[in-house]
Every structure is written in C-alpha cells, then in structure tokens.
Amino acid sequence: MAHDAGRGVVRLGVLGAGNIADLNVAGYLEHPRCQVMAVCDVNADRAQAAAIRWGVQRVYSDVAEFLSDEDITAVEVLTPTYLHHGHVLAALAAGKHVSVQKPIANTIDEALEIGAAADRADRTVRVSDCFIHYPPLELAKRLVADGAIGRPIGLRIRTVVGRTQSVFEKNLCPDGYSWRLDARSPGGHLFDDMVHKYAMAYWLLDRDVIGVQAVVRRRDHFFEPCVALFEYDDPDLLGTMEVHYAPGMWIRSSYYGADELFEIQGEEGFVWVTRATGELLPHAPVVLYRGKAGEQTFTEITDVESDWGSGFRRSSQHFVDSLLTGDPPSMSVAEAVKVLQLCFAVYQAGNTQRRVDPRTIDGAVSPRGWIER
C-alpha cells in the first residue's frame, strides 16, 4: 500500500462530527506528525462547532466537495455504520487513505467490496477499534503471549449495560442513535457495541473461532441479553460471551453506563482485565494469578493507563504511524470481515438454536423480530 512517509505528515480530514468524534479526533490533534485539515458533516452547524473545538479552518457540509480537497491525504470516517460502505468507497476513489469506525459495514458483501476497492486504489483502509489499543487489554495479550499463564484454555468476556451519571453521557445527542433502532442497522446492541468484544475474541488469543452456539434475547428493542459459546481451532480452547442489561443498576463510569470484564484462563493461571468503558470493580486494571506448583502469586497491576478514552487516542495515533511507516495497521479489512461474520453467526445461532461456523456467513443476519430491511 502507498504511504505518506516521504511527506513527513498525514493531512487528515474528519468525516462526521457526531457523538464519538471528539474521542477519536483527540489522538490526531496530539500527534506531532498529523495535521487535521478539515471537518465535514451534513449538519453544517455541527461541523462548524467541531471545527472551532479542534482549531480546524476548513469546514464542509457536502461530502463530495470535502473529498475533492486535494490537501487531504487521509480520512477518518465517523459517520453512521449504514453510510460506511458508500463513504469509504468514495474516499478511496478520491485517492485517500481511510480509517473507518467499527463495524466496517452492514453486510459481508459490503465489507469485501471495501477491501477490493482498497487493493485497486493502492490505499490503506483500517477499521478503528479502541479496544485493540486499550492499554490493559494490550498488556493482557502480551502476558498471555509471553507464557505468563501457560497454555490458554479459556476466554470469558462479560458485558453489563446499566446506568450512569457521567458528563459524557449527559452530553450525547439522542439524534445520533436513531439509526441504530431501525432498518438502517441489521441488529441492535450485539451489532453496534459487541463488535468490540467479537474483535477481542480473536485478537486476544490469535486463534480462529470455528463454531458458535448462542441464546439471544430482546429487551427494550435495542438491548439483546446473550450468552454465547465460542469453539476455537484449538480443541482445548473455549470462549464464552455474556451480555446483560440491568437498567436498574448504576455503574461508575466516565463514559457510557456499561462495564466489561475479560478473563483469560490458562493451564497455569489466569489474567483479568477488570475495566474498560466503566470502572465498576475496585480492583487494579489488570490482575494476574500464577498457580504453578511452589509459585502461587496474585498480582494486581496498577501502573497501566486505564482511561477508556486512551484506546481512542492511541488508535488514532496508530493509524497515523502506520501511514508514515508503511506498516500494516490494526485492524485490517480481512480481520474486520471475520469480526462481522462472528457477530452474524451469534445472531444466526440464536435464531436457529444450532451450531454455526462463522466462516460460512455471507450477506447479513438479523436477530429474530428485527425490523425488515
């Protein structure tokens, strides 16, 4: 892929100035070799307000005009998921490198078309996922890879959605969520948020999921309590994913009213990541237990950045660095396709109550009772 090392700086345009824009743009503004050149949003007032916050001079409300700006070399796509496919293809056609928010697209076919278009254009497309760059999860991955808990045999990912009183959540614009509740999305919470966790099911262990079983329920239309079982290509490794909706439970959080727990079990110990979006548990961000004969140690690791926003900042900076060096960024389109297949496999397993191989999924799968597309 072509990159920008020779130019010495990435000149970025931001497409979409909605609820999560500030979280993503912060890392670009902090990077010494990135210049945020322009912002575009169909809501001209929102685009102008973002430009003032970020110190950006060029403001657009027309996407085609924005993409025709020849000074922009890369685009951060922060628009709703159902617009990703068209916006990424248009950016590639305009010769831009692209970072696009998760999920990559609404269907497998759209995601594959994005990958093919990037290859033809000789431009980088990466899918931005803050969990891949969240320091406690990065540390957990390193500990496992270094053999700290022996051979991995289990992964548990638990998410609970409740309530919070964070300033961040109070300032969210409700209009930014309407498209998640109708046919513009193929599913609810398991599609929109749990894509982060599906990515972790692959990334934390570097193994492929070859079978999924799941029970999926519905609460308040959008929320989808779920228990899923993941079979890996290592027959001794199993994963579980639990999703709960507890609207009467308050969660300590600086962001959304949600909390996660990640547990990687090995033959000789385990690693916990006790927080991400929220800060519910009174433990260190990372906990390591080693239980080998003659060496039982329980270590709480506190010297790791655990602000959830750091994952966004580091993700943006990683994209800039990858363009400057030419190194492959995380996550690739191929990796994002696997994540999307796992999401749809959970829906299909829930719908049919049968084991599903995510590698066989194409198109899209919605949960039973979802709005017809």
Protein backbone atom coordinates (compact mmCIF):
# COMPACT_ATOMS: atom_id res chain seq x y z
CA MET A 1 0.00 0.00 0.00
CA ALA A 2 1.11 3.55 -0.65
CA HIS A 3 2.00 5.55 2.43
CA ASP A 4 2.97 9.07 3.48
CA ALA A 5 6.45 8.58 4.93
CA GLY A 6 8.07 10.73 2.27
CA ARG A 7 5.81 13.67 3.03
CA GLY A 8 6.51 13.55 6.75
CA VAL A 9 2.98 14.41 7.81
CA VAL A 10 -0.53 12.99 7.48
CA ARG A 11 -3.07 15.63 6.45
CA LEU A 12 -6.37 14.38 7.81
CA GLY A 13 -9.98 15.16 7.06
CA VAL A 14 -12.71 14.12 9.50
CA LEU A 15 -16.00 12.93 8.01
CA GLY A 16 -18.70 13.04 10.68
CA ALA A 17 -18.75 15.20 13.81
CA GLY A 18 -21.25 13.31 15.96
CA ASN A 19 -21.16 11.84 19.46
CA ILE A 20 -17.88 9.93 19.25
CA ALA A 21 -15.94 12.38 17.10
CA ASP A 22 -14.11 14.14 19.94
CA LEU A 23 -12.90 10.81 21.36
CA ASN A 24 -11.35 9.84 18.03
CA VAL A 25 -10.00 13.22 16.95
CA ALA A 26 -8.12 13.85 20.22
CA GLY A 27 -5.35 11.44 19.23
CA TYR A 28 -4.91 13.08 15.84
CA LEU A 29 -4.67 16.54 17.38
CA GLU A 30 -1.97 15.30 19.78
CA HIS A 31 0.15 13.59 17.11
CA PRO A 32 3.13 15.77 16.08
CA ARG A 33 3.05 14.46 12.51
CA CYS A 34 -0.66 14.78 11.87
CA GLN A 35 -2.46 17.91 10.74
CA VAL A 36 -6.26 17.89 10.98
CA MET A 37 -7.10 19.88 7.87
CA ALA A 38 -10.88 19.77 7.59
CA VAL A 39 -14.14 18.54 9.05
CA CYS A 40 -17.28 17.57 7.16
CA ASP A 41 -20.78 16.91 8.48
CA VAL A 42 -24.14 17.18 6.73
CA ASN A 43 -25.21 19.27 9.71
CA ALA A 44 -23.35 22.50 8.96
CA ASP A 45 -23.74 23.86 12.50
CA ARG A 46 -22.33 20.67 13.99
CA ALA A 47 -19.39 20.77 11.59
CA GLN A 48 -18.67 24.40 12.45
CA ALA A 49 -18.82 23.73 16.19
CA ALA A 50 -16.40 20.82 15.84
CA ALA A 51 -14.02 22.92 13.74
CA ILE A 52 -13.92 25.56 16.49
CA ARG A 53 -13.22 22.93 19.18
CA TRP A 54 -10.43 21.36 17.14
CA GLY A 55 -8.93 24.53 15.69
CA VAL A 56 -9.70 23.46 12.10
CA GLN A 57 -10.06 26.07 9.35
CA ARG A 58 -11.85 24.14 6.58
CA VAL A 59 -15.49 23.21 7.12
CA TYR A 60 -17.68 21.27 4.70
CA SER A 61 -21.27 20.06 4.66
CA ASP A 62 -21.04 18.39 1.24
CA VAL A 63 -19.18 15.06 1.20
CA ALA A 64 -18.14 15.26 -2.47
CA GLU A 65 -16.68 18.73 -2.01
CA PHE A 66 -14.86 17.58 1.13
CA LEU A 67 -13.33 14.57 -0.64
CA SER A 68 -12.22 16.74 -3.57
CA ASP A 69 -9.92 18.70 -1.25
CA GLU A 70 -6.51 17.71 -2.62
CA ASP A 71 -4.68 18.76 0.54
CA ILE A 72 -6.35 15.91 2.46
CA THR A 73 -4.37 12.66 2.27
CA ALA A 74 -6.35 10.54 4.73
CA VAL A 75 -9.93 10.49 6.02
CA GLU A 76 -11.37 9.39 9.35
CA VAL A 77 -14.91 8.13 8.67
CA LEU A 78 -17.09 8.69 11.76
CA THR A 79 -20.49 8.51 10.08
CA PRO A 80 -23.26 6.01 10.97
CA THR A 81 -22.49 2.41 10.05
CA TYR A 82 -25.02 2.20 7.22
CA LEU A 83 -23.11 5.00 5.45
CA HIS A 84 -19.64 3.45 5.83
CA HIS A 85 -19.72 1.48 2.59
CA GLY A 86 -20.52 4.46 0.36
CA HIS A 87 -18.29 6.89 2.21
CA VAL A 88 -15.24 4.61 2.25
CA LEU A 89 -15.59 3.78 -1.45
CA ALA A 90 -15.91 7.48 -2.29
CA ALA A 91 -12.84 8.34 -0.21
CA LEU A 92 -10.81 5.62 -1.91
CA ALA A 93 -11.95 6.83 -5.33
CA ALA A 94 -10.69 10.28 -4.32
CA GLY A 95 -7.25 8.80 -3.54
CA LYS A 96 -7.45 8.99 0.25
CA HIS A 97 -6.29 6.53 2.88
CA VAL A 98 -9.17 5.64 5.19
CA SER A 99 -9.78 4.87 8.82
CA VAL A 100 -13.39 3.80 9.39
CA GLN A 101 -15.20 3.15 12.64
CA LYS A 102 -16.38 -0.30 13.61
CA PRO A 103 -18.42 -2.13 12.41
CA ILE A 104 -16.87 -1.86 8.96
CA ALA A 105 -20.23 -2.14 7.18
CA ASN A 106 -23.73 -3.57 7.40
CA THR A 107 -23.03 -6.71 5.34
CA ILE A 108 -20.19 -9.06 4.50
CA ASP A 109 -20.55 -8.21 0.81
CA GLU A 110 -20.10 -4.50 1.52
CA ALA A 111 -17.02 -5.21 3.65
CA LEU A 112 -15.45 -7.36 0.94
CA GLU A 113 -16.13 -4.68 -1.66
CA ILE A 114 -14.30 -2.17 0.52
CA GLY A 115 -11.29 -4.48 0.69
CA ALA A 116 -11.25 -4.99 -3.07
CA ALA A 117 -11.54 -1.25 -3.70
CA ALA A 118 -8.63 -0.53 -1.34
CA ASP A 119 -6.45 -3.02 -3.23
CA ARG A 120 -7.35 -1.45 -6.58
CA ALA A 121 -6.68 2.06 -5.30
CA ASP A 122 -3.46 1.02 -3.55
CA ARG A 123 -4.63 2.80 -0.43
CA THR A 124 -4.81 1.76 3.21
CA VAL A 125 -8.15 1.03 4.85
CA ARG A 126 -8.15 0.16 8.51
CA VAL A 127 -11.08 -0.33 10.87
CA SER A 128 -10.77 1.66 14.08
CA ASP A 129 -11.45 -0.27 17.27
CA CYS A 130 -10.46 1.37 20.54
CA PHE A 131 -10.34 -1.94 22.44
CA ILE A 132 -7.41 -3.16 20.32
CA HIS A 133 -5.41 -0.16 21.56
CA TYR A 134 -6.68 -0.09 25.16
CA PRO A 135 -3.55 -0.49 27.35
CA PRO A 136 -4.94 -3.05 29.88
CA LEU A 137 -6.04 -5.33 27.04
CA GLU A 138 -2.72 -4.86 25.26
CA LEU A 139 -0.93 -5.86 28.47
CA ALA A 140 -3.16 -8.91 28.92
CA LYS A 141 -2.41 -10.02 25.37
CA ARG A 142 1.35 -9.64 25.97
CA LEU A 143 1.21 -11.59 29.24
CA VAL A 144 -0.56 -14.48 27.54
CA ALA A 145 1.80 -14.45 24.56
CA ASP A 146 4.79 -14.44 26.93
CA GLY A 147 3.50 -17.58 28.67
CA ALA A 148 2.59 -15.96 31.98
CA ILE A 149 -0.43 -18.26 32.46
CA GLY A 150 0.72 -21.24 30.44
CA ARG A 151 -1.27 -22.51 27.50
CA PRO A 152 -4.60 -20.63 27.11
CA ILE A 153 -7.65 -22.85 27.58
CA GLY A 154 -10.49 -20.38 28.13
CA LEU A 155 -11.70 -16.87 27.42
CA ARG A 156 -14.65 -15.16 29.13
CA ILE A 157 -15.97 -11.77 28.07
CA ARG A 158 -18.70 -10.23 30.21
CA THR A 159 -20.57 -7.00 29.45
CA VAL A 160 -23.30 -5.39 31.54
CA VAL A 161 -25.21 -2.29 30.46
CA GLY A 162 -26.77 -0.22 33.22
CA ARG A 163 -26.99 3.46 34.07
CA THR A 164 -24.51 6.18 34.90
CA GLN A 165 -24.36 9.90 35.61
CA SER A 166 -21.28 10.76 33.55
CA VAL A 167 -20.93 14.16 31.93
CA PHE A 168 -20.06 12.37 28.70
CA GLU A 169 -23.36 10.50 28.55
CA LYS A 170 -25.39 13.56 29.55
CA ASN A 171 -23.91 15.49 26.61
CA LEU A 172 -24.71 12.84 23.98
CA CYS A 173 -27.09 13.90 21.23
CA PRO A 174 -30.07 11.48 21.06
CA ASP A 175 -30.41 12.06 17.30
CA GLY A 176 -27.10 10.26 16.86
CA TYR A 177 -28.69 6.99 17.92
CA SER A 178 -31.96 6.89 15.98
CA TRP A 179 -30.46 5.00 13.03
CA ARG A 180 -29.42 2.19 15.38
CA LEU A 181 -33.08 1.42 16.12
CA ASP A 182 -34.49 0.82 12.65
CA ALA A 183 -33.80 -0.92 9.35
CA ARG A 184 -30.67 1.16 8.76
CA SER A 185 -28.95 -1.27 11.16
CA PRO A 186 -29.03 -5.09 10.82
CA GLY A 187 -29.27 -5.50 14.59
CA GLY A 188 -29.16 -3.87 17.99
CA HIS A 189 -26.61 -3.85 20.81
CA LEU A 190 -24.94 -7.10 19.75
CA PHE A 191 -24.14 -5.48 16.41
CA ASP A 192 -23.36 -1.94 17.45
CA ASP A 193 -21.33 -2.37 20.66
CA MET A 194 -20.46 -6.04 20.97
CA VAL A 195 -18.43 -5.87 17.78
CA HIS A 196 -15.66 -4.64 20.11
CA LYS A 197 -15.94 -7.88 22.09
CA TYR A 198 -16.09 -10.09 18.99
CA ALA A 199 -12.83 -8.46 17.93
CA MET A 200 -11.32 -9.35 21.32
CA ALA A 201 -12.42 -12.98 20.90
CA TYR A 202 -9.97 -13.18 18.01
CA TRP A 203 -7.31 -10.62 18.89
CA LEU A 204 -6.55 -11.56 22.50
CA LEU A 205 -5.63 -15.14 21.61
CA ASP A 206 -4.73 -15.02 17.90
CA ARG A 207 -6.95 -18.04 17.23
CA ASP A 208 -9.87 -18.56 14.86
CA VAL A 209 -13.42 -19.24 16.02
CA ILE A 210 -14.84 -22.20 14.09
CA GLY A 211 -18.14 -22.76 15.90
CA VAL A 212 -20.75 -20.65 17.71
CA GLN A 213 -23.72 -21.56 19.88
CA ALA A 214 -25.88 -18.84 21.41
CA VAL A 215 -29.04 -17.82 23.20
CA VAL A 216 -30.13 -14.29 22.28
CA ARG A 217 -32.97 -12.43 23.99
CA ARG A 218 -34.51 -8.99 23.48
CA ARG A 219 -35.01 -6.14 25.98
CA ASP A 220 -36.30 -2.67 25.11
CA HIS A 221 -35.85 -3.45 21.41
CA PHE A 222 -32.17 -2.40 21.18
CA PHE A 223 -30.64 -4.41 24.02
CA GLU A 224 -30.02 -8.12 23.44
CA PRO A 225 -29.05 -10.15 26.51
CA CYS A 226 -26.99 -13.06 25.26
CA VAL A 227 -24.85 -16.00 26.27
CA ALA A 228 -22.62 -17.34 23.50
CA LEU A 229 -20.13 -20.21 23.32
CA PHE A 230 -17.13 -19.98 21.00
CA GLU A 231 -15.26 -23.08 19.77
CA TYR A 232 -11.73 -22.32 18.58
CA ASP A 233 -9.46 -24.05 16.11
CA ASP A 234 -7.54 -25.23 19.18
CA PRO A 235 -9.75 -28.06 20.54
CA ASP A 236 -8.62 -27.35 24.12
CA LEU A 237 -9.71 -23.71 23.98
CA LEU A 238 -13.26 -22.49 24.60
CA GLY A 239 -14.69 -19.00 24.90
CA THR A 240 -17.86 -17.56 26.38
CA MET A 241 -19.50 -14.18 25.95
CA GLU A 242 -22.15 -12.90 28.37
CA VAL A 243 -24.20 -9.77 27.75
CA HIS A 244 -26.61 -8.45 30.37
CA TYR A 245 -28.91 -5.44 30.52
CA ALA A 246 -29.52 -4.13 34.06
CA PRO A 247 -31.41 -0.81 33.73
CA GLY A 248 -31.83 -0.51 37.50
CA MET A 249 -28.09 -0.80 38.23
CA TRP A 250 -25.84 2.25 38.41
CA ILE A 251 -22.28 1.89 37.10
CA ARG A 252 -19.29 4.05 37.95
CA SER A 253 -18.12 5.33 34.57
CA SER A 254 -16.68 8.42 32.91
CA TYR A 255 -18.30 7.38 29.65
CA TYR A 256 -21.26 5.11 28.90
CA GLY A 257 -23.21 3.22 31.55
CA ALA A 258 -21.53 -0.07 30.68
CA ASP A 259 -18.84 -2.24 32.19
CA GLU A 260 -16.72 -5.11 30.90
CA LEU A 261 -14.67 -7.93 32.39
CA PHE A 262 -12.22 -10.03 30.38
CA GLU A 263 -10.79 -13.26 31.78
CA ILE A 264 -8.18 -15.37 30.02
CA GLN A 265 -7.70 -18.75 31.67
CA GLY A 266 -4.51 -20.69 31.16
CA GLU A 267 -3.28 -24.07 32.34
CA GLU A 268 -1.09 -22.34 34.95
CA GLY A 269 -3.11 -19.25 35.91
CA PHE A 270 -5.34 -16.52 34.62
CA VAL A 271 -5.40 -12.83 33.64
CA TRP A 272 -8.27 -10.47 34.34
CA VAL A 273 -8.89 -7.11 32.72
CA THR A 274 -11.32 -5.62 35.19
CA ARG A 275 -12.46 -2.50 33.37
CA ALA A 276 -12.83 -0.75 30.04
CA THR A 277 -15.82 1.50 29.38
CA GLY A 278 -16.73 1.61 33.07
CA GLU A 279 -14.86 1.35 36.37
CA LEU A 280 -17.22 -0.83 38.35
CA LEU A 281 -14.84 -3.18 40.17
CA PRO A 282 -12.46 -1.91 42.91
CA HIS A 283 -9.51 -3.88 41.52
CA ALA A 284 -6.42 -2.96 39.54
CA PRO A 285 -7.00 -2.70 35.78
CA VAL A 286 -5.09 -5.95 35.24
CA VAL A 287 -4.88 -8.87 37.66
CA LEU A 288 -2.50 -11.80 37.12
CA TYR A 289 -2.68 -15.08 39.02
CA ARG A 290 0.03 -17.71 38.60
CA GLY A 291 -0.74 -21.04 40.22
CA LYS A 292 2.22 -23.26 39.37
CA ALA A 293 3.43 -25.72 41.99
CA GLY A 294 5.53 -23.82 44.51
CA GLU A 295 4.67 -20.47 42.94
CA GLN A 296 1.21 -19.14 43.70
CA THR A 297 1.16 -15.38 43.17
CA PHE A 298 -1.69 -12.93 42.85
CA THR A 299 -0.53 -9.64 41.30
CA GLU A 300 -2.62 -6.51 40.82
CA ILE A 301 -1.04 -4.39 38.09
CA THR A 302 -1.81 -0.72 38.61
CA ASP A 303 0.87 1.03 36.53
CA VAL A 304 -1.08 0.86 33.27
CA GLU A 305 -3.21 3.61 31.71
CA SER A 306 -6.82 2.54 32.17
CA ASP A 307 -8.84 5.52 30.95
CA TRP A 308 -11.09 4.08 28.25
CA GLY A 309 -10.53 7.20 26.16
CA SER A 310 -6.85 6.30 25.85
CA GLY A 311 -7.82 3.49 23.48
CA PHE A 312 -9.37 6.00 21.11
CA ARG A 313 -6.39 8.34 21.25
CA ARG A 314 -3.88 5.55 20.72
CA SER A 315 -5.94 4.06 17.90
CA SER A 316 -5.88 7.36 16.00
CA GLN A 317 -2.16 7.76 16.57
CA HIS A 318 -1.56 4.19 15.41
CA PHE A 319 -3.26 4.97 12.10
CA VAL A 320 -1.01 7.98 11.55
CA ASP A 321 2.10 5.97 12.43
CA SER A 322 1.11 3.17 10.05
CA LEU A 323 0.71 5.60 7.17
CA LEU A 324 4.07 7.22 7.89
CA THR A 325 5.96 3.93 8.15
CA GLY A 326 4.00 1.81 5.69
CA ASP A 327 3.44 -0.87 8.33
CA PRO A 328 0.08 -2.69 8.26
CA PRO A 329 -2.42 -1.09 10.63
CA SER A 330 -4.77 -2.87 13.02
CA MET A 331 -7.45 -3.86 12.19
CA SER A 332 -7.30 -4.83 8.53
CA VAL A 333 -10.36 -5.26 6.33
CA ALA A 334 -9.84 -9.03 6.37
CA GLU A 335 -9.82 -9.03 10.17
CA ALA A 336 -12.92 -6.82 10.25
CA VAL A 337 -14.74 -9.25 7.95
CA LYS A 338 -14.09 -12.09 10.41
CA VAL A 339 -15.40 -9.95 13.28
CA LEU A 340 -18.57 -9.16 11.33
CA GLN A 341 -19.03 -12.85 10.48
CA LEU A 342 -18.78 -13.72 14.17
CA CYS A 343 -21.42 -11.11 15.00
CA PHE A 344 -23.81 -12.53 12.41
CA ALA A 345 -23.01 -16.10 13.50
CA VAL A 346 -24.20 -15.26 17.02
CA TYR A 347 -27.47 -13.93 15.60
CA GLN A 348 -27.89 -17.00 13.39
CA ALA A 349 -27.11 -19.40 16.23
CA GLY A 350 -29.64 -17.57 18.40
CA ASN A 351 -32.27 -17.68 15.66
CA THR A 352 -31.82 -21.37 14.82
CA GLN A 353 -30.56 -22.80 18.13
CA ARG A 354 -27.94 -24.63 16.09
CA ARG A 355 -24.17 -24.53 15.96
CA VAL A 356 -22.90 -22.09 13.32
CA ASP A 357 -19.47 -21.84 11.70
CA PRO A 358 -18.85 -18.08 11.32
CA ARG A 359 -16.63 -18.68 8.30
CA THR A 360 -19.72 -19.73 6.33
CA ILE A 361 -21.58 -16.46 6.90
CA ASP A 362 -22.15 -14.13 3.98
CA GLY A 363 -24.57 -11.28 3.44
CA ALA A 364 -26.05 -10.29 6.81
CA VAL A 365 -28.07 -11.88 9.62
CA SER A 366 -30.51 -10.04 11.87
CA PRO A 367 -31.99 -11.25 15.16
CA ARG A 368 -35.48 -12.68 15.08
CA GLY A 369 -38.07 -9.89 15.18
CA TRP A 370 -35.76 -7.14 13.97
CA ILE A 371 -37.13 -4.55 11.53
CA GLU A 372 -37.25 -5.81 7.95
CA ARG A 373 -34.68 -4.22 5.69
